[in-house]
Amino acid sequence: MMLDVALVAELLLLGGIGGFLAGMLGVGGGMILVPFTALLLEARGFPASQVLQVAIATSLAMICFTSISSLRAHHQRGAVRWPLVVALSPGIVVGSILGAQVASRLPGALLSLVFGGFILVMATNMLRGGGREGTRELPGRWAVGAFGGVIGFVASMVGAGGAFLTVPFLSAHRVPMHHAVGTSAAVGLPVALAGTLGYVQAGWSASGLPPGTLGYIYLPALAVLSVASVLAAPWGARAAHRLDTRQLKRAFAVLLYGIAAFMLVRALR
């Protein structure tokens, strides 16, 4: 299946919105990209039993590109704690690959249920203002590495970069918020790389996928979404300095509740 003009326009708009939200709020791009990419591709003939895996894999592959610019910006500001990145990364790699394998084997309805439940938790956490700084010390290296496995597994299952888990974990253990966000940006790259490889391997011999896919990654959509997201993310970052992001996060949380409801209804059907 090749991209038609209408689909290119729709993916450009979707990638732009996802990139803008990610740049402005720090999280949320993947939560928008995955369900709507799945809808657009399913409407063009992608098999319903595999379209969510394709959308998740394509979202993760896109993060490989978008996370590099974010990582670079945070590193230049000295906000990345590289020893923590090193400690988290082995678990992240293992967890991301395992998450891709599990997601690729789940029936489409069950994966929709998992994704909808995840969005529901994220929306609730956003409304409650999760991610406050705590007073606990970071655990030992092995415990940090094990939590990296949790981050990688969950992020790979839902096509996200892992900030929704990394930032609260670090900020709860006396890591200043700007360091938690910067370190999370660095962690997003191994999550995306390992998860992408996992989905390529898992979908390598999958039957029924149209031309243009590499494993479960749909390359034409990846190209369009990546360009739009990379261009829009800096605009979102600038908007974050001019707008009240607390109100925006509440509005976004309400939108996420709607997406969660849609995914849960989809799963039941």
C-alpha atoms as a PDB file:
ATOM      1  CA  MET A   1       0.000   0.000   0.000  1.00  0.00           C
ATOM      2  CA  MET A   2       1.401   3.380  -1.019  1.00  0.00           C
ATOM      3  CA  LEU A   3       0.518   6.656   0.666  1.00  0.00           C
ATOM      4  CA  ASP A   4      -2.103   8.703  -1.127  1.00  0.00           C
ATOM      5  CA  VAL A   5      -2.176  12.491  -0.933  1.00  0.00           C
ATOM      6  CA  ALA A   6      -4.979  12.529   1.630  1.00  0.00           C
ATOM      7  CA  LEU A   7      -3.146  10.088   3.912  1.00  0.00           C
ATOM      8  CA  VAL A   8       0.081  12.110   3.657  1.00  0.00           C
ATOM      9  CA  ALA A   9      -1.824  15.239   4.686  1.00  0.00           C
ATOM     10  CA  GLU A  10      -3.505  13.427   7.579  1.00  0.00           C
ATOM     11  CA  LEU A  11      -0.208  11.963   8.823  1.00  0.00           C
ATOM     12  CA  LEU A  12       1.501  15.363   8.552  1.00  0.00           C
ATOM     13  CA  LEU A  13      -1.239  16.901  10.684  1.00  0.00           C
ATOM     14  CA  LEU A  14      -1.119  14.028  13.165  1.00  0.00           C
ATOM     15  CA  GLY A  15       2.687  14.116  13.439  1.00  0.00           C
ATOM     16  CA  GLY A  16       2.602  17.872  13.891  1.00  0.00           C
ATOM     17  CA  ILE A  17       0.058  17.646  16.693  1.00  0.00           C
ATOM     18  CA  GLY A  18       1.976  14.831  18.389  1.00  0.00           C
ATOM     19  CA  GLY A  19       5.280  16.680  18.147  1.00  0.00           C
ATOM     20  CA  PHE A  20       3.757  19.927  19.390  1.00  0.00           C
ATOM     21  CA  LEU A  21       2.182  18.223  22.413  1.00  0.00           C
ATOM     22  CA  ALA A  22       5.385  16.353  23.217  1.00  0.00           C
ATOM     23  CA  GLY A  23       7.388  19.578  23.024  1.00  0.00           C
ATOM     24  CA  MET A  24       4.889  21.548  25.117  1.00  0.00           C
ATOM     25  CA  LEU A  25       3.894  19.004  27.769  1.00  0.00           C
ATOM     26  CA  GLY A  26       6.884  16.646  27.774  1.00  0.00           C
ATOM     27  CA  VAL A  27       4.628  13.586  27.370  1.00  0.00           C
ATOM     28  CA  GLY A  28       1.671  12.662  25.235  1.00  0.00           C
ATOM     29  CA  GLY A  29       2.925  12.457  21.650  1.00  0.00           C
ATOM     30  CA  GLY A  30       2.773   8.678  21.443  1.00  0.00           C
ATOM     31  CA  MET A  31      -0.588   8.552  23.181  1.00  0.00           C
ATOM     32  CA  ILE A  32      -2.043  10.615  20.331  1.00  0.00           C
ATOM     33  CA  LEU A  33      -0.038   9.076  17.505  1.00  0.00           C
ATOM     34  CA  VAL A  34      -0.722   5.394  18.191  1.00  0.00           C
ATOM     35  CA  PRO A  35      -4.557   5.297  18.207  1.00  0.00           C
ATOM     36  CA  PHE A  36      -5.005   7.763  15.339  1.00  0.00           C
ATOM     37  CA  THR A  37      -2.286   6.178  13.193  1.00  0.00           C
ATOM     38  CA  ALA A  38      -4.043   2.858  13.709  1.00  0.00           C
ATOM     39  CA  LEU A  39      -7.362   4.382  12.609  1.00  0.00           C
ATOM     40  CA  LEU A  40      -5.860   5.962   9.487  1.00  0.00           C
ATOM     41  CA  LEU A  41      -4.052   2.789   8.418  1.00  0.00           C
ATOM     42  CA  GLU A  42      -7.003   0.521   9.129  1.00  0.00           C
ATOM     43  CA  ALA A  43      -9.174   2.752   6.938  1.00  0.00           C
ATOM     44  CA  ARG A  44      -6.643   2.149   4.120  1.00  0.00           C
ATOM     45  CA  GLY A  45      -6.785  -1.624   4.340  1.00  0.00           C
ATOM     46  CA  PHE A  46      -4.327  -2.658   7.047  1.00  0.00           C
ATOM     47  CA  PRO A  47      -5.522  -5.845   8.763  1.00  0.00           C
ATOM     48  CA  ALA A  48      -7.383  -4.976  11.969  1.00  0.00           C
ATOM     49  CA  SER A  49      -5.648  -7.792  13.846  1.00  0.00           C
ATOM     50  CA  GLN A  50      -2.214  -6.216  13.262  1.00  0.00           C
ATOM     51  CA  VAL A  51      -2.813  -2.501  12.788  1.00  0.00           C
ATOM     52  CA  LEU A  52      -2.262  -1.570  16.448  1.00  0.00           C
ATOM     53  CA  GLN A  53       1.092  -3.387  16.507  1.00  0.00           C
ATOM     54  CA  VAL A  54       2.056  -1.478  13.342  1.00  0.00           C
ATOM     55  CA  ALA A  55       1.034   1.857  14.902  1.00  0.00           C
ATOM     56  CA  ILE A  56       2.947   1.142  18.122  1.00  0.00           C
ATOM     57  CA  ALA A  57       6.066  -0.005  16.255  1.00  0.00           C
ATOM     58  CA  THR A  58       5.978   3.015  13.936  1.00  0.00           C
ATOM     59  CA  SER A  59       5.593   5.364  16.913  1.00  0.00           C
ATOM     60  CA  LEU A  60       8.616   3.808  18.651  1.00  0.00           C
ATOM     61  CA  ALA A  61      10.706   4.064  15.485  1.00  0.00           C
ATOM     62  CA  MET A  62       9.784   7.744  15.205  1.00  0.00           C
ATOM     63  CA  ILE A  63      11.000   8.343  18.765  1.00  0.00           C
ATOM     64  CA  CYS A  64      14.459   7.179  17.621  1.00  0.00           C
ATOM     65  CA  PHE A  65      14.652  10.401  15.589  1.00  0.00           C
ATOM     66  CA  THR A  66      12.792  12.844  17.829  1.00  0.00           C
ATOM     67  CA  SER A  67      14.589  11.802  21.032  1.00  0.00           C
ATOM     68  CA  ILE A  68      18.000  12.708  19.598  1.00  0.00           C
ATOM     69  CA  SER A  69      17.191  16.414  19.327  1.00  0.00           C
ATOM     70  CA  SER A  70      15.610  16.421  22.795  1.00  0.00           C
ATOM     71  CA  LEU A  71      18.571  14.570  24.290  1.00  0.00           C
ATOM     72  CA  ARG A  72      21.014  17.000  22.699  1.00  0.00           C
ATOM     73  CA  ALA A  73      19.164  20.035  24.059  1.00  0.00           C
ATOM     74  CA  HIS A  74      19.039  18.666  27.617  1.00  0.00           C
ATOM     75  CA  HIS A  75      22.700  17.584  27.494  1.00  0.00           C
ATOM     76  CA  GLN A  76      23.775  21.086  26.482  1.00  0.00           C
ATOM     77  CA  ARG A  77      22.002  22.413  29.580  1.00  0.00           C
ATOM     78  CA  GLY A  78      23.758  19.867  31.806  1.00  0.00           C
ATOM     79  CA  ALA A  79      20.446  18.242  32.746  1.00  0.00           C
ATOM     80  CA  VAL A  80      21.310  14.627  31.865  1.00  0.00           C
ATOM     81  CA  ARG A  81      22.639  12.408  34.638  1.00  0.00           C
ATOM     82  CA  TRP A  82      24.620   9.981  32.531  1.00  0.00           C
ATOM     83  CA  PRO A  83      25.466   7.529  35.366  1.00  0.00           C
ATOM     84  CA  LEU A  84      21.722   7.014  35.826  1.00  0.00           C
ATOM     85  CA  VAL A  85      21.263   6.537  32.086  1.00  0.00           C
ATOM     86  CA  VAL A  86      23.996   3.884  32.135  1.00  0.00           C
ATOM     87  CA  ALA A  87      22.421   2.156  35.157  1.00  0.00           C
ATOM     88  CA  LEU A  88      18.932   2.122  33.622  1.00  0.00           C
ATOM     89  CA  SER A  89      19.901   1.180  30.057  1.00  0.00           C
ATOM     90  CA  PRO A  90      20.647  -2.590  30.362  1.00  0.00           C
ATOM     91  CA  GLY A  91      17.239  -3.239  31.896  1.00  0.00           C
ATOM     92  CA  ILE A  92      15.613  -0.902  29.387  1.00  0.00           C
ATOM     93  CA  VAL A  93      17.087  -2.790  26.433  1.00  0.00           C
ATOM     94  CA  VAL A  94      15.964  -6.180  27.758  1.00  0.00           C
ATOM     95  CA  GLY A  95      12.535  -4.890  28.787  1.00  0.00           C
ATOM     96  CA  SER A  96      11.942  -3.098  25.471  1.00  0.00           C
ATOM     97  CA  ILE A  97      12.758  -6.146  23.376  1.00  0.00           C
ATOM     98  CA  LEU A  98      10.601  -8.356  25.603  1.00  0.00           C
ATOM     99  CA  GLY A  99       7.717  -5.862  25.500  1.00  0.00           C
ATOM    100  CA  ALA A 100       7.765  -5.851  21.697  1.00  0.00           C
ATOM    101  CA  GLN A 101       7.676  -9.639  21.620  1.00  0.00           C
ATOM    102  CA  VAL A 102       4.731  -9.783  24.021  1.00  0.00           C
ATOM    103  CA  ALA A 103       2.761  -7.040  22.241  1.00  0.00           C
ATOM    104  CA  SER A 104       3.284  -8.667  18.856  1.00  0.00           C
ATOM    105  CA  ARG A 105       1.693 -11.881  20.133  1.00  0.00           C
ATOM    106  CA  LEU A 106      -1.350 -10.341  21.805  1.00  0.00           C
ATOM    107  CA  PRO A 107      -4.667 -10.409  19.938  1.00  0.00           C
ATOM    108  CA  GLY A 108      -5.647  -6.980  18.638  1.00  0.00           C
ATOM    109  CA  ALA A 109      -8.579  -6.699  21.057  1.00  0.00           C
ATOM    110  CA  LEU A 110      -6.424  -7.496  24.085  1.00  0.00           C
ATOM    111  CA  LEU A 111      -3.719  -5.032  22.997  1.00  0.00           C
ATOM    112  CA  SER A 112      -6.411  -2.352  22.586  1.00  0.00           C
ATOM    113  CA  LEU A 113      -7.523  -3.139  26.139  1.00  0.00           C
ATOM    114  CA  VAL A 114      -3.957  -2.802  27.448  1.00  0.00           C
ATOM    115  CA  PHE A 115      -3.418   0.464  25.578  1.00  0.00           C
ATOM    116  CA  GLY A 116      -6.758   1.893  26.716  1.00  0.00           C
ATOM    117  CA  GLY A 117      -5.998   0.988  30.336  1.00  0.00           C
ATOM    118  CA  PHE A 118      -2.592   2.631  30.072  1.00  0.00           C
ATOM    119  CA  ILE A 119      -4.119   5.843  28.686  1.00  0.00           C
ATOM    120  CA  LEU A 120      -6.661   5.829  31.521  1.00  0.00           C
ATOM    121  CA  VAL A 121      -3.897   5.647  34.140  1.00  0.00           C
ATOM    122  CA  MET A 122      -1.884   8.368  32.390  1.00  0.00           C
ATOM    123  CA  ALA A 123      -4.861  10.735  32.194  1.00  0.00           C
ATOM    124  CA  THR A 124      -5.631  10.246  35.883  1.00  0.00           C
ATOM    125  CA  ASN A 125      -2.001  10.804  36.854  1.00  0.00           C
ATOM    126  CA  MET A 126      -1.922  13.978  34.753  1.00  0.00           C
ATOM    127  CA  LEU A 127      -5.033  15.346  36.475  1.00  0.00           C
ATOM    128  CA  ARG A 128      -3.551  14.559  39.893  1.00  0.00           C
ATOM    129  CA  GLY A 129      -0.306  16.333  39.007  1.00  0.00           C
ATOM    130  CA  GLY A 130       1.995  13.301  39.273  1.00  0.00           C
ATOM    131  CA  GLY A 131       5.777  13.635  39.348  1.00  0.00           C
ATOM    132  CA  ARG A 132       6.318  15.593  42.581  1.00  0.00           C
ATOM    133  CA  GLU A 133       9.785  15.608  44.084  1.00  0.00           C
ATOM    134  CA  GLY A 134      10.256  13.124  46.913  1.00  0.00           C
ATOM    135  CA  THR A 135      12.763  12.609  49.696  1.00  0.00           C
ATOM    136  CA  ARG A 136      13.873   8.997  49.205  1.00  0.00           C
ATOM    137  CA  GLU A 137      17.387   8.102  48.125  1.00  0.00           C
ATOM    138  CA  LEU A 138      17.908   6.241  44.871  1.00  0.00           C
ATOM    139  CA  PRO A 139      18.094   2.470  45.374  1.00  0.00           C
ATOM    140  CA  GLY A 140      21.141   0.412  44.471  1.00  0.00           C
ATOM    141  CA  ARG A 141      22.386  -0.158  40.936  1.00  0.00           C
ATOM    142  CA  TRP A 142      20.632  -3.517  40.561  1.00  0.00           C
ATOM    143  CA  ALA A 143      17.296  -2.084  41.671  1.00  0.00           C
ATOM    144  CA  VAL A 144      17.679   0.864  39.285  1.00  0.00           C
ATOM    145  CA  GLY A 145      18.502  -1.555  36.464  1.00  0.00           C
ATOM    146  CA  ALA A 146      15.449  -3.675  37.299  1.00  0.00           C
ATOM    147  CA  PHE A 147      13.208  -0.623  37.157  1.00  0.00           C
ATOM    148  CA  GLY A 148      14.787   0.146  33.787  1.00  0.00           C
ATOM    149  CA  GLY A 149      13.381  -3.216  32.681  1.00  0.00           C
ATOM    150  CA  VAL A 150       9.899  -2.119  33.783  1.00  0.00           C
ATOM    151  CA  ILE A 151      10.268   1.175  31.904  1.00  0.00           C
ATOM    152  CA  GLY A 152      11.388  -0.561  28.728  1.00  0.00           C
ATOM    153  CA  PHE A 153       8.713  -3.248  28.862  1.00  0.00           C
ATOM    154  CA  VAL A 154       5.756  -0.895  29.390  1.00  0.00           C
ATOM    155  CA  ALA A 155       7.025   1.776  26.967  1.00  0.00           C
ATOM    156  CA  SER A 156       7.590  -0.797  24.239  1.00  0.00           C
ATOM    157  CA  MET A 157       4.114  -2.243  24.772  1.00  0.00           C
ATOM    158  CA  VAL A 158       2.428   1.129  24.178  1.00  0.00           C
ATOM    159  CA  GLY A 159       4.815   2.860  21.744  1.00  0.00           C
ATOM    160  CA  ALA A 160       6.103   5.576  24.086  1.00  0.00           C
ATOM    161  CA  GLY A 161       9.506   6.847  25.171  1.00  0.00           C
ATOM    162  CA  GLY A 162       9.127   5.984  28.853  1.00  0.00           C
ATOM    163  CA  ALA A 163       9.038   9.498  30.353  1.00  0.00           C
ATOM    164  CA  PHE A 164       5.709   8.667  32.027  1.00  0.00           C
ATOM    165  CA  LEU A 165       7.607   6.225  34.288  1.00  0.00           C
ATOM    166  CA  THR A 166      11.149   7.605  34.307  1.00  0.00           C
ATOM    167  CA  VAL A 167      10.314  11.135  35.449  1.00  0.00           C
ATOM    168  CA  PRO A 168       8.112  10.128  38.445  1.00  0.00           C
ATOM    169  CA  PHE A 169      10.640   7.454  39.511  1.00  0.00           C
ATOM    170  CA  LEU A 170      13.595   9.834  39.475  1.00  0.00           C
ATOM    171  CA  SER A 171      11.773  12.828  40.964  1.00  0.00           C
ATOM    172  CA  ALA A 172      10.485  10.626  43.802  1.00  0.00           C
ATOM    173  CA  HIS A 173      14.107   9.778  44.638  1.00  0.00           C
ATOM    174  CA  ARG A 174      15.480  13.284  45.168  1.00  0.00           C
ATOM    175  CA  VAL A 175      16.474  13.935  41.566  1.00  0.00           C
ATOM    176  CA  PRO A 176      15.588  17.572  40.719  1.00  0.00           C
ATOM    177  CA  MET A 177      12.783  17.814  38.196  1.00  0.00           C
ATOM    178  CA  HIS A 178      14.863  19.358  35.396  1.00  0.00           C
ATOM    179  CA  HIS A 179      17.438  16.559  35.817  1.00  0.00           C
ATOM    180  CA  ALA A 180      14.662  13.957  35.881  1.00  0.00           C
ATOM    181  CA  VAL A 181      13.245  15.312  32.610  1.00  0.00           C
ATOM    182  CA  GLY A 182      16.684  15.572  30.989  1.00  0.00           C
ATOM    183  CA  THR A 183      17.671  12.053  32.044  1.00  0.00           C
ATOM    184  CA  SER A 184      14.315  10.761  30.825  1.00  0.00           C
ATOM    185  CA  ALA A 185      15.008  12.312  27.410  1.00  0.00           C
ATOM    186  CA  ALA A 186      18.280  10.384  27.246  1.00  0.00           C
ATOM    187  CA  VAL A 187      16.584   7.165  28.370  1.00  0.00           C
ATOM    188  CA  GLY A 188      14.038   7.514  25.558  1.00  0.00           C
ATOM    189  CA  LEU A 189      16.666   6.700  22.929  1.00  0.00           C
ATOM    190  CA  PRO A 190      17.571   3.165  24.134  1.00  0.00           C
ATOM    191  CA  VAL A 191      13.867   2.499  24.759  1.00  0.00           C
ATOM    192  CA  ALA A 192      13.042   3.421  21.166  1.00  0.00           C
ATOM    193  CA  LEU A 193      16.042   1.682  19.589  1.00  0.00           C
ATOM    194  CA  ALA A 194      15.591  -1.608  21.442  1.00  0.00           C
ATOM    195  CA  GLY A 195      11.803  -1.568  21.035  1.00  0.00           C
ATOM    196  CA  THR A 196      12.111  -0.828  17.314  1.00  0.00           C
ATOM    197  CA  LEU A 197      14.494  -3.745  16.821  1.00  0.00           C
ATOM    198  CA  GLY A 198      12.117  -5.944  18.797  1.00  0.00           C
ATOM    199  CA  TYR A 199       9.175  -5.045  16.547  1.00  0.00           C
ATOM    200  CA  VAL A 200      11.247  -5.521  13.394  1.00  0.00           C
ATOM    201  CA  GLN A 201      12.213  -9.015  14.539  1.00  0.00           C
ATOM    202  CA  ALA A 202       8.734  -9.896  15.805  1.00  0.00           C
ATOM    203  CA  GLY A 203       7.046  -8.870  12.569  1.00  0.00           C
ATOM    204  CA  TRP A 204       9.705 -10.147  10.176  1.00  0.00           C
ATOM    205  CA  SER A 205       7.757 -13.277   9.248  1.00  0.00           C
ATOM    206  CA  ALA A 206       4.265 -11.948   9.965  1.00  0.00           C
ATOM    207  CA  SER A 207       1.814 -12.646   7.150  1.00  0.00           C
ATOM    208  CA  GLY A 208      -0.793 -10.249   5.787  1.00  0.00           C
ATOM    209  CA  LEU A 209       1.204  -7.025   6.125  1.00  0.00           C
ATOM    210  CA  PRO A 210       1.222  -4.816   3.003  1.00  0.00           C
ATOM    211  CA  PRO A 211       4.351  -3.662   1.146  1.00  0.00           C
ATOM    212  CA  GLY A 212       6.356  -0.910   2.810  1.00  0.00           C
ATOM    213  CA  THR A 213       6.620  -2.575   6.205  1.00  0.00           C
ATOM    214  CA  LEU A 214       9.871  -3.529   7.904  1.00  0.00           C
ATOM    215  CA  GLY A 215       8.715  -6.025  10.477  1.00  0.00           C
ATOM    216  CA  TYR A 216       5.789  -4.186  12.049  1.00  0.00           C
ATOM    217  CA  ILE A 217       7.118  -0.714  11.115  1.00  0.00           C
ATOM    218  CA  TYR A 218       5.329   1.009   8.241  1.00  0.00           C
ATOM    219  CA  LEU A 219       8.161   2.974   6.653  1.00  0.00           C
ATOM    220  CA  PRO A 220       6.172   5.533   4.565  1.00  0.00           C
ATOM    221  CA  ALA A 221       4.141   6.590   7.622  1.00  0.00           C
ATOM    222  CA  LEU A 222       7.315   6.691   9.722  1.00  0.00           C
ATOM    223  CA  ALA A 223       8.939   9.131   7.287  1.00  0.00           C
ATOM    224  CA  VAL A 224       5.962  11.517   7.208  1.00  0.00           C
ATOM    225  CA  LEU A 225       5.272  11.410  10.949  1.00  0.00           C
ATOM    226  CA  SER A 226       8.951  11.928  11.831  1.00  0.00           C
ATOM    227  CA  VAL A 227       9.355  15.010   9.642  1.00  0.00           C
ATOM    228  CA  ALA A 228       6.186  16.623  10.982  1.00  0.00           C
ATOM    229  CA  SER A 229       6.962  15.786  14.615  1.00  0.00           C
ATOM    230  CA  VAL A 230      10.569  17.012  14.516  1.00  0.00           C
ATOM    231  CA  LEU A 231       9.470  20.309  12.944  1.00  0.00           C
ATOM    232  CA  ALA A 232       6.586  20.859  15.385  1.00  0.00           C
ATOM    233  CA  ALA A 233       8.292  19.909  18.663  1.00  0.00           C
ATOM    234  CA  PRO A 234      10.312  23.164  18.979  1.00  0.00           C
ATOM    235  CA  TRP A 235       7.107  25.176  18.539  1.00  0.00           C
ATOM    236  CA  GLY A 236       5.549  23.232  21.377  1.00  0.00           C
ATOM    237  CA  ALA A 237       8.588  23.887  23.577  1.00  0.00           C
ATOM    238  CA  ARG A 238       8.316  27.625  22.901  1.00  0.00           C
ATOM    239  CA  ALA A 239       4.587  27.573  23.658  1.00  0.00           C
ATOM    240  CA  ALA A 240       5.302  25.929  26.997  1.00  0.00           C
ATOM    241  CA  HIS A 241       7.094  29.100  28.122  1.00  0.00           C
ATOM    242  CA  ARG A 242       4.165  31.340  27.145  1.00  0.00           C
ATOM    243  CA  LEU A 243       1.118  29.332  28.221  1.00  0.00           C
ATOM    244  CA  ASP A 244      -0.215  27.930  31.485  1.00  0.00           C
ATOM    245  CA  THR A 245       0.696  24.281  30.937  1.00  0.00           C
ATOM    246  CA  ARG A 246      -1.196  23.212  34.056  1.00  0.00           C
ATOM    247  CA  GLN A 247      -4.504  24.106  32.414  1.00  0.00           C
ATOM    248  CA  LEU A 248      -3.346  22.554  29.146  1.00  0.00           C
ATOM    249  CA  LYS A 249      -2.472  19.296  30.900  1.00  0.00           C
ATOM    250  CA  ARG A 250      -5.934  19.158  32.431  1.00  0.00           C
ATOM    251  CA  ALA A 251      -7.524  19.684  29.020  1.00  0.00           C
ATOM    252  CA  PHE A 252      -5.227  17.068  27.512  1.00  0.00           C
ATOM    253  CA  ALA A 253      -6.141  14.631  30.285  1.00  0.00           C
ATOM    254  CA  VAL A 254      -9.821  15.003  29.355  1.00  0.00           C
ATOM    255  CA  LEU A 255      -8.910  14.243  25.723  1.00  0.00           C
ATOM    256  CA  LEU A 256      -7.004  11.174  26.894  1.00  0.00           C
ATOM    257  CA  TYR A 257     -10.074   9.926  28.762  1.00  0.00           C
ATOM    258  CA  GLY A 258     -11.930  10.087  25.463  1.00  0.00           C
ATOM    259  CA  ILE A 259      -9.179   8.156  23.683  1.00  0.00           C
ATOM    260  CA  ALA A 260      -9.105   5.574  26.479  1.00  0.00           C
ATOM    261  CA  ALA A 261     -12.864   5.094  26.214  1.00  0.00           C
ATOM    262  CA  PHE A 262     -12.589   4.649  22.447  1.00  0.00           C
ATOM    263  CA  MET A 263      -9.816   2.042  22.778  1.00  0.00           C
ATOM    264  CA  LEU A 264     -11.722   0.142  25.462  1.00  0.00           C
ATOM    265  CA  VAL A 265     -14.889   0.075  23.329  1.00  0.00           C
ATOM    266  CA  ARG A 266     -12.763  -1.067  20.379  1.00  0.00           C
ATOM    267  CA  ALA A 267     -11.386  -3.903  22.517  1.00  0.00           C
ATOM    268  CA  LEU A 268     -14.882  -5.032  23.528  1.00  0.00           C
ATOM    269  CA  ARG A 269     -16.002  -5.079  19.911  1.00  0.00           C
END
